[in-house]
Amino acid sequence: MDDSRVNTAPPPDDLDRRLILLLQANARASTATLARKLGVARTTVVARLARLEASGRIVGYTARLGGDEAGRSVQAFVGISVSPKAGREVVKRLSELPELRQLASVSGEFDYMALLRADTTARLDALLDEIGEIDGVLRTNSSVVLALRVDRQT
């Protein structure tokens, strides 16, 4: 077995989890600010960040849209049922939609759960029609997001 592929990093502890939560709230926070909020030395934060990045637990930093910009769009969760053996092609076609934010294969009533973000309800309606017309899609069920109560996505 190739030892370079074995993750030898220790599992995340409470400090790692609190550091990750702070970064999810503000990925641009300085190491000094993070250290102050965590009650540790700045060098500890730098070392933890390096370890979390090297282990693949942190894979990047991103910009998130603020309230005004995010508020100008509409989001929906869409459950998608597909016919047997059509999954690969359906995923390929869904991946081509720029409004697709996430796609997960799930257990339960649906085969996939998609998160869509569109500029308008009219565009969302058109997207749902497009998805329903993909060969292999048997059924969809959408739920429009009215308010986001907790968002820990990066």
N, C-alpha and C. Protein backbone atom coordinates (compact mmCIF):
# COMPACT_ATOMS: atom_id res chain seq x y z
N MET A 1 0.84 -1.18 0.00
CA MET A 1 0.00 0.00 0.00
C MET A 1 0.88 1.24 0.00
N ASP A 2 0.51 2.27 -0.76
CA ASP A 2 1.25 3.52 -0.86
C ASP A 2 1.02 4.34 0.40
N ASP A 3 2.05 4.50 1.23
CA ASP A 3 1.92 5.21 2.50
C ASP A 3 1.65 6.70 2.32
N SER A 4 1.97 7.27 1.13
CA SER A 4 1.75 8.70 0.94
C SER A 4 0.26 9.03 0.87
N ARG A 5 -0.58 8.04 0.67
CA ARG A 5 -2.02 8.29 0.58
C ARG A 5 -2.72 8.10 1.92
N VAL A 6 -2.05 7.61 2.92
CA VAL A 6 -2.65 7.38 4.22
C VAL A 6 -2.71 8.70 4.97
N ASN A 7 -3.88 9.06 5.45
CA ASN A 7 -4.05 10.29 6.21
C ASN A 7 -3.64 10.01 7.64
N THR A 8 -2.49 10.57 8.04
CA THR A 8 -1.98 10.34 9.39
C THR A 8 -2.31 11.49 10.33
N ALA A 9 -3.06 12.47 9.84
CA ALA A 9 -3.44 13.61 10.69
C ALA A 9 -4.39 13.13 11.77
N PRO A 10 -4.23 13.68 12.97
CA PRO A 10 -5.16 13.30 14.04
C PRO A 10 -6.57 13.80 13.71
N PRO A 11 -7.57 13.14 14.25
CA PRO A 11 -8.94 13.61 14.00
C PRO A 11 -9.12 15.01 14.58
N PRO A 12 -10.04 15.79 14.02
CA PRO A 12 -10.23 17.15 14.52
C PRO A 12 -10.69 17.14 15.97
N ASP A 13 -10.11 18.02 16.74
CA ASP A 13 -10.53 18.16 18.13
C ASP A 13 -11.41 19.40 18.28
N ASP A 14 -11.73 19.76 19.50
CA ASP A 14 -12.63 20.89 19.75
C ASP A 14 -12.07 22.20 19.18
N LEU A 15 -10.76 22.40 19.32
CA LEU A 15 -10.15 23.62 18.80
C LEU A 15 -10.26 23.66 17.27
N ASP A 16 -10.01 22.54 16.62
CA ASP A 16 -10.15 22.48 15.17
C ASP A 16 -11.59 22.81 14.75
N ARG A 17 -12.54 22.23 15.43
CA ARG A 17 -13.95 22.46 15.09
C ARG A 17 -14.34 23.93 15.29
N ARG A 18 -13.88 24.54 16.38
CA ARG A 18 -14.18 25.96 16.61
C ARG A 18 -13.49 26.84 15.57
N LEU A 19 -12.27 26.49 15.19
CA LEU A 19 -11.55 27.22 14.15
C LEU A 19 -12.29 27.14 12.82
N ILE A 20 -12.74 25.96 12.47
CA ILE A 20 -13.49 25.77 11.22
C ILE A 20 -14.78 26.58 11.24
N LEU A 21 -15.49 26.58 12.36
CA LEU A 21 -16.72 27.37 12.47
C LEU A 21 -16.45 28.87 12.26
N LEU A 22 -15.36 29.36 12.85
CA LEU A 22 -15.01 30.77 12.67
C LEU A 22 -14.69 31.06 11.20
N LEU A 23 -13.99 30.16 10.55
CA LEU A 23 -13.65 30.35 9.14
C LEU A 23 -14.89 30.27 8.25
N GLN A 24 -15.83 29.43 8.62
CA GLN A 24 -17.07 29.36 7.84
C GLN A 24 -17.85 30.66 7.95
N ALA A 25 -17.75 31.32 9.09
CA ALA A 25 -18.43 32.61 9.26
C ALA A 25 -17.68 33.73 8.55
N ASN A 26 -16.33 33.66 8.52
CA ASN A 26 -15.53 34.68 7.86
C ASN A 26 -14.18 34.09 7.48
N ALA A 27 -14.06 33.63 6.25
CA ALA A 27 -12.83 32.99 5.78
C ALA A 27 -11.69 33.99 5.63
N ARG A 28 -11.99 35.28 5.67
CA ARG A 28 -10.95 36.30 5.53
C ARG A 28 -10.42 36.78 6.86
N ALA A 29 -10.89 36.23 7.95
CA ALA A 29 -10.41 36.66 9.27
C ALA A 29 -8.91 36.41 9.37
N SER A 30 -8.21 37.34 9.96
CA SER A 30 -6.76 37.19 10.13
C SER A 30 -6.47 36.12 11.17
N THR A 31 -5.27 35.59 11.10
CA THR A 31 -4.88 34.59 12.10
C THR A 31 -4.85 35.20 13.50
N ALA A 32 -4.51 36.48 13.59
CA ALA A 32 -4.51 37.15 14.90
C ALA A 32 -5.93 37.24 15.46
N THR A 33 -6.90 37.58 14.60
CA THR A 33 -8.29 37.65 15.04
C THR A 33 -8.79 36.28 15.46
N LEU A 34 -8.48 35.26 14.65
CA LEU A 34 -8.89 33.90 14.99
C LEU A 34 -8.29 33.47 16.32
N ALA A 35 -7.01 33.75 16.50
CA ALA A 35 -6.33 33.37 17.74
C ALA A 35 -6.98 34.04 18.95
N ARG A 36 -7.29 35.33 18.81
CA ARG A 36 -7.92 36.06 19.91
C ARG A 36 -9.27 35.44 20.26
N LYS A 37 -10.08 35.13 19.24
CA LYS A 37 -11.41 34.55 19.49
C LYS A 37 -11.32 33.16 20.08
N LEU A 38 -10.28 32.42 19.73
CA LEU A 38 -10.11 31.05 20.24
C LEU A 38 -9.35 31.01 21.57
N GLY A 39 -8.69 32.11 21.91
CA GLY A 39 -7.92 32.14 23.16
C GLY A 39 -6.63 31.35 23.08
N VAL A 40 -6.01 31.34 21.88
CA VAL A 40 -4.74 30.63 21.69
C VAL A 40 -3.75 31.56 21.00
N ALA A 41 -2.51 31.13 20.90
CA ALA A 41 -1.49 31.91 20.22
C ALA A 41 -1.72 31.89 18.70
N ARG A 42 -1.28 32.97 18.05
CA ARG A 42 -1.41 33.05 16.59
C ARG A 42 -0.66 31.91 15.91
N THR A 43 0.48 31.54 16.44
CA THR A 43 1.25 30.44 15.85
C THR A 43 0.49 29.11 15.94
N THR A 44 -0.32 28.95 16.97
CA THR A 44 -1.16 27.75 17.09
C THR A 44 -2.18 27.72 15.97
N VAL A 45 -2.80 28.86 15.68
CA VAL A 45 -3.78 28.94 14.59
C VAL A 45 -3.11 28.64 13.26
N VAL A 46 -1.93 29.23 13.03
CA VAL A 46 -1.21 28.99 11.77
C VAL A 46 -0.91 27.50 11.62
N ALA A 47 -0.45 26.86 12.69
CA ALA A 47 -0.12 25.43 12.63
C ALA A 47 -1.38 24.59 12.40
N ARG A 48 -2.46 24.94 13.07
CA ARG A 48 -3.72 24.19 12.89
C ARG A 48 -4.24 24.34 11.46
N LEU A 49 -4.19 25.56 10.92
CA LEU A 49 -4.64 25.77 9.55
C LEU A 49 -3.80 24.96 8.57
N ALA A 50 -2.50 24.96 8.76
CA ALA A 50 -1.61 24.19 7.87
C ALA A 50 -1.94 22.71 7.94
N ARG A 51 -2.18 22.21 9.16
CA ARG A 51 -2.51 20.79 9.31
C ARG A 51 -3.87 20.47 8.70
N LEU A 52 -4.86 21.32 8.91
CA LEU A 52 -6.20 21.08 8.36
C LEU A 52 -6.18 21.14 6.82
N GLU A 53 -5.38 22.02 6.26
CA GLU A 53 -5.24 22.09 4.81
C GLU A 53 -4.50 20.87 4.27
N ALA A 54 -3.41 20.49 4.92
CA ALA A 54 -2.61 19.35 4.47
C ALA A 54 -3.40 18.04 4.54
N SER A 55 -4.29 17.94 5.54
CA SER A 55 -5.08 16.71 5.69
C SER A 55 -6.28 16.67 4.75
N GLY A 56 -6.56 17.80 4.10
CA GLY A 56 -7.70 17.84 3.19
C GLY A 56 -9.01 18.18 3.88
N ARG A 57 -8.97 18.51 5.17
CA ARG A 57 -10.21 18.91 5.85
C ARG A 57 -10.64 20.31 5.42
N ILE A 58 -9.67 21.17 5.16
CA ILE A 58 -9.95 22.48 4.55
C ILE A 58 -9.36 22.41 3.15
N VAL A 59 -10.21 22.60 2.15
CA VAL A 59 -9.74 22.48 0.77
C VAL A 59 -9.80 23.81 0.01
N GLY A 60 -10.25 24.86 0.67
CA GLY A 60 -10.27 26.15 0.00
C GLY A 60 -11.03 27.18 0.81
N TYR A 61 -10.93 28.40 0.35
CA TYR A 61 -11.60 29.53 0.97
C TYR A 61 -12.42 30.19 -0.12
N THR A 62 -13.53 30.79 0.23
CA THR A 62 -14.43 31.31 -0.79
C THR A 62 -15.09 32.60 -0.35
N ALA A 63 -15.64 33.30 -1.32
CA ALA A 63 -16.44 34.49 -1.04
C ALA A 63 -17.91 34.09 -1.09
N ARG A 64 -18.69 34.61 -0.16
CA ARG A 64 -20.12 34.33 -0.12
C ARG A 64 -20.87 35.62 -0.39
N LEU A 65 -21.98 35.52 -1.07
CA LEU A 65 -22.78 36.70 -1.37
C LEU A 65 -23.43 37.23 -0.11
N GLY A 66 -23.50 38.55 -0.01
CA GLY A 66 -24.13 39.19 1.13
C GLY A 66 -25.64 39.17 1.02
N GLY A 67 -26.29 39.69 2.03
CA GLY A 67 -27.75 39.67 2.10
C GLY A 67 -28.44 40.25 0.89
N ASP A 68 -28.00 41.43 0.41
CA ASP A 68 -28.65 42.05 -0.74
C ASP A 68 -28.52 41.19 -1.98
N GLU A 69 -27.30 40.73 -2.28
CA GLU A 69 -27.08 39.94 -3.48
C GLU A 69 -27.77 38.59 -3.39
N ALA A 70 -27.64 37.92 -2.26
CA ALA A 70 -28.28 36.61 -2.08
C ALA A 70 -29.80 36.76 -2.07
N GLY A 71 -30.29 37.90 -1.55
CA GLY A 71 -31.72 38.12 -1.47
C GLY A 71 -32.37 38.37 -2.82
N ARG A 72 -31.57 38.63 -3.84
CA ARG A 72 -32.12 38.87 -5.17
C ARG A 72 -32.32 37.58 -5.95
N SER A 73 -32.08 36.46 -5.33
CA SER A 73 -32.24 35.19 -6.02
C SER A 73 -33.24 34.32 -5.26
N VAL A 74 -33.66 33.25 -5.92
CA VAL A 74 -34.58 32.31 -5.31
C VAL A 74 -33.90 30.94 -5.34
N GLN A 75 -34.00 30.22 -4.23
CA GLN A 75 -33.40 28.89 -4.14
C GLN A 75 -34.49 27.85 -3.97
N ALA A 76 -34.20 26.65 -4.44
CA ALA A 76 -35.14 25.55 -4.27
C ALA A 76 -34.37 24.25 -4.13
N PHE A 77 -34.88 23.38 -3.29
CA PHE A 77 -34.41 22.01 -3.20
C PHE A 77 -35.32 21.19 -4.12
N VAL A 78 -34.71 20.36 -4.95
CA VAL A 78 -35.49 19.59 -5.91
C VAL A 78 -35.12 18.12 -5.77
N GLY A 79 -36.12 17.31 -5.40
CA GLY A 79 -35.95 15.86 -5.38
C GLY A 79 -36.18 15.34 -6.79
N ILE A 80 -35.29 14.45 -7.24
CA ILE A 80 -35.36 13.97 -8.62
C ILE A 80 -35.32 12.44 -8.62
N SER A 81 -36.33 11.84 -9.23
CA SER A 81 -36.36 10.39 -9.42
C SER A 81 -36.01 10.10 -10.86
N VAL A 82 -35.14 9.11 -11.06
CA VAL A 82 -34.71 8.77 -12.42
C VAL A 82 -34.96 7.30 -12.69
N SER A 83 -35.07 6.99 -13.97
CA SER A 83 -35.26 5.59 -14.36
C SER A 83 -33.94 4.83 -14.16
N PRO A 84 -34.04 3.51 -13.96
CA PRO A 84 -32.83 2.72 -13.78
C PRO A 84 -31.88 2.90 -14.96
N LYS A 85 -30.61 2.97 -14.66
CA LYS A 85 -29.53 3.11 -15.64
C LYS A 85 -29.45 4.48 -16.30
N ALA A 86 -30.29 5.43 -15.91
CA ALA A 86 -30.25 6.76 -16.51
C ALA A 86 -29.46 7.76 -15.67
N GLY A 87 -29.05 7.34 -14.48
CA GLY A 87 -28.41 8.25 -13.54
C GLY A 87 -27.22 9.00 -14.09
N ARG A 88 -26.31 8.31 -14.73
CA ARG A 88 -25.08 8.94 -15.23
C ARG A 88 -25.41 10.06 -16.22
N GLU A 89 -26.31 9.81 -17.15
CA GLU A 89 -26.66 10.82 -18.16
C GLU A 89 -27.44 11.97 -17.53
N VAL A 90 -28.31 11.68 -16.58
CA VAL A 90 -29.06 12.73 -15.90
C VAL A 90 -28.10 13.64 -15.13
N VAL A 91 -27.15 13.05 -14.41
CA VAL A 91 -26.16 13.84 -13.66
C VAL A 91 -25.36 14.72 -14.62
N LYS A 92 -24.98 14.16 -15.76
CA LYS A 92 -24.22 14.92 -16.76
C LYS A 92 -25.03 16.14 -17.22
N ARG A 93 -26.28 15.94 -17.54
CA ARG A 93 -27.13 17.04 -18.02
C ARG A 93 -27.38 18.08 -16.92
N LEU A 94 -27.61 17.61 -15.70
CA LEU A 94 -27.83 18.54 -14.59
C LEU A 94 -26.58 19.38 -14.33
N SER A 95 -25.41 18.77 -14.47
CA SER A 95 -24.15 19.46 -14.23
C SER A 95 -23.94 20.62 -15.19
N GLU A 96 -24.62 20.60 -16.31
CA GLU A 96 -24.49 21.66 -17.31
C GLU A 96 -25.31 22.90 -16.95
N LEU A 97 -26.17 22.80 -15.96
CA LEU A 97 -27.00 23.94 -15.55
C LEU A 97 -26.20 24.85 -14.62
N PRO A 98 -25.96 26.10 -15.02
CA PRO A 98 -25.17 26.98 -14.15
C PRO A 98 -25.86 27.31 -12.83
N GLU A 99 -27.16 27.16 -12.77
CA GLU A 99 -27.90 27.45 -11.54
C GLU A 99 -27.84 26.32 -10.52
N LEU A 100 -27.30 25.17 -10.92
CA LEU A 100 -27.16 24.04 -10.00
C LEU A 100 -26.04 24.35 -9.02
N ARG A 101 -26.36 24.39 -7.72
CA ARG A 101 -25.37 24.65 -6.69
C ARG A 101 -24.84 23.36 -6.07
N GLN A 102 -25.71 22.39 -5.86
CA GLN A 102 -25.31 21.12 -5.28
C GLN A 102 -26.17 20.03 -5.87
N LEU A 103 -25.59 18.84 -5.98
CA LEU A 103 -26.35 17.66 -6.39
C LEU A 103 -25.83 16.49 -5.57
N ALA A 104 -26.75 15.83 -4.88
CA ALA A 104 -26.37 14.70 -4.04
C ALA A 104 -27.24 13.50 -4.38
N SER A 105 -26.62 12.32 -4.44
CA SER A 105 -27.43 11.11 -4.52
C SER A 105 -27.87 10.80 -3.10
N VAL A 106 -29.14 10.45 -2.95
CA VAL A 106 -29.71 10.28 -1.62
C VAL A 106 -30.50 8.99 -1.53
N SER A 107 -30.72 8.55 -0.31
CA SER A 107 -31.60 7.42 -0.09
C SER A 107 -33.00 7.94 0.12
N GLY A 108 -33.97 7.09 0.01
CA GLY A 108 -35.34 7.50 0.28
C GLY A 108 -36.18 7.62 -0.98
N GLU A 109 -37.10 8.55 -0.95
CA GLU A 109 -38.09 8.70 -2.02
C GLU A 109 -37.48 9.10 -3.36
N PHE A 110 -36.39 9.86 -3.34
CA PHE A 110 -35.77 10.34 -4.58
C PHE A 110 -34.40 9.73 -4.75
N ASP A 111 -33.90 9.80 -5.99
CA ASP A 111 -32.55 9.32 -6.28
C ASP A 111 -31.51 10.41 -6.05
N TYR A 112 -31.91 11.67 -6.36
CA TYR A 112 -31.01 12.81 -6.23
C TYR A 112 -31.75 13.97 -5.56
N MET A 113 -30.96 14.81 -4.89
CA MET A 113 -31.48 16.04 -4.33
C MET A 113 -30.59 17.16 -4.87
N ALA A 114 -31.21 18.13 -5.54
CA ALA A 114 -30.48 19.25 -6.14
C ALA A 114 -30.81 20.52 -5.38
N LEU A 115 -29.84 21.40 -5.29
CA LEU A 115 -30.07 22.75 -4.79
C LEU A 115 -29.85 23.69 -5.97
N LEU A 116 -30.88 24.43 -6.32
CA LEU A 116 -30.83 25.37 -7.43
C LEU A 116 -30.90 26.79 -6.90
N ARG A 117 -30.24 27.72 -7.59
CA ARG A 117 -30.38 29.15 -7.29
C ARG A 117 -30.59 29.86 -8.61
N ALA A 118 -31.73 30.54 -8.74
CA ALA A 118 -32.07 31.27 -9.95
C ALA A 118 -32.30 32.74 -9.63
N ASP A 119 -32.17 33.58 -10.64
CA ASP A 119 -32.35 35.02 -10.45
C ASP A 119 -33.80 35.38 -10.16
N THR A 120 -34.74 34.64 -10.75
CA THR A 120 -36.16 34.96 -10.60
C THR A 120 -36.96 33.68 -10.46
N THR A 121 -38.19 33.83 -10.01
CA THR A 121 -39.06 32.66 -9.95
C THR A 121 -39.38 32.15 -11.35
N ALA A 122 -39.44 33.06 -12.32
CA ALA A 122 -39.68 32.64 -13.70
C ALA A 122 -38.54 31.76 -14.20
N ARG A 123 -37.29 32.12 -13.88
CA ARG A 123 -36.16 31.30 -14.29
C ARG A 123 -36.18 29.97 -13.56
N LEU A 124 -36.55 29.97 -12.28
CA LEU A 124 -36.66 28.72 -11.54
C LEU A 124 -37.70 27.82 -12.18
N ASP A 125 -38.83 28.38 -12.56
CA ASP A 125 -39.88 27.61 -13.22
C ASP A 125 -39.36 26.99 -14.52
N ALA A 126 -38.62 27.77 -15.30
CA ALA A 126 -38.06 27.25 -16.55
C ALA A 126 -37.04 26.14 -16.27
N LEU A 127 -36.24 26.30 -15.23
CA LEU A 127 -35.26 25.27 -14.85
C LEU A 127 -35.97 23.96 -14.49
N LEU A 128 -37.04 24.07 -13.71
CA LEU A 128 -37.77 22.86 -13.32
C LEU A 128 -38.36 22.17 -14.55
N ASP A 129 -38.82 22.95 -15.52
CA ASP A 129 -39.30 22.36 -16.78
C ASP A 129 -38.16 21.67 -17.52
N GLU A 130 -36.99 22.32 -17.57
CA GLU A 130 -35.82 21.74 -18.24
C GLU A 130 -35.43 20.41 -17.60
N ILE A 131 -35.42 20.40 -16.27
CA ILE A 131 -35.05 19.17 -15.55
C ILE A 131 -36.06 18.07 -15.84
N GLY A 132 -37.33 18.42 -15.81
CA GLY A 132 -38.38 17.43 -16.08
C GLY A 132 -38.32 16.85 -17.49
N GLU A 133 -37.74 17.60 -18.43
CA GLU A 133 -37.64 17.14 -19.82
C GLU A 133 -36.39 16.32 -20.11
N ILE A 134 -35.49 16.20 -19.15
CA ILE A 134 -34.28 15.39 -19.35
C ILE A 134 -34.68 13.93 -19.47
N ASP A 135 -34.18 13.26 -20.53
CA ASP A 135 -34.47 11.83 -20.70
C ASP A 135 -34.01 11.06 -19.47
N GLY A 136 -34.88 10.27 -18.92
CA GLY A 136 -34.56 9.47 -17.75
C GLY A 136 -35.12 10.03 -16.46
N VAL A 137 -35.51 11.32 -16.45
CA VAL A 137 -36.12 11.89 -15.25
C VAL A 137 -37.58 11.46 -15.22
N LEU A 138 -37.95 10.77 -14.16
CA LEU A 138 -39.32 10.28 -14.02
C LEU A 138 -40.22 11.28 -13.32
N ARG A 139 -39.64 11.97 -12.30
CA ARG A 139 -40.47 12.84 -11.47
C ARG A 139 -39.58 13.78 -10.69
N THR A 140 -40.10 14.97 -10.42
CA THR A 140 -39.41 15.92 -9.55
C THR A 140 -40.38 16.44 -8.51
N ASN A 141 -39.83 16.92 -7.41
CA ASN A 141 -40.62 17.54 -6.36
C ASN A 141 -39.78 18.68 -5.82
N SER A 142 -40.27 19.90 -5.93
CA SER A 142 -39.46 21.04 -5.52
C SER A 142 -40.03 21.73 -4.29
N SER A 143 -39.13 22.26 -3.50
CA SER A 143 -39.47 23.07 -2.32
C SER A 143 -38.66 24.35 -2.40
N VAL A 144 -39.35 25.47 -2.52
CA VAL A 144 -38.69 26.77 -2.60
C VAL A 144 -38.27 27.20 -1.21
N VAL A 145 -37.05 27.72 -1.10
CA VAL A 145 -36.53 28.20 0.17
C VAL A 145 -37.15 29.56 0.46
N LEU A 146 -37.83 29.67 1.58
CA LEU A 146 -38.45 30.94 1.99
C LEU A 146 -37.50 31.79 2.80
N ALA A 147 -36.77 31.17 3.71
CA ALA A 147 -35.81 31.88 4.54
C ALA A 147 -34.72 30.90 4.96
N LEU A 148 -33.50 31.35 4.96
CA LEU A 148 -32.36 30.54 5.38
C LEU A 148 -32.13 30.81 6.85
N ARG A 149 -32.32 29.82 7.70
CA ARG A 149 -32.21 29.99 9.15
C ARG A 149 -30.80 29.79 9.67
N VAL A 150 -30.08 28.80 9.12
CA VAL A 150 -28.69 28.53 9.48
C VAL A 150 -27.97 28.18 8.19
N ASP A 151 -26.81 28.77 7.97
CA ASP A 151 -26.03 28.47 6.76
C ASP A 151 -24.57 28.32 7.15
N ARG A 152 -24.09 27.09 7.14
CA ARG A 152 -22.70 26.82 7.49
C ARG A 152 -21.91 26.37 6.27
N GLN A 153 -22.50 26.51 5.09
CA GLN A 153 -21.81 26.15 3.86
C GLN A 153 -20.73 27.15 3.57
N THR A 154 -19.64 26.66 2.98
CA THR A 154 -18.59 27.56 2.56
C THR A 154 -18.75 27.90 1.12
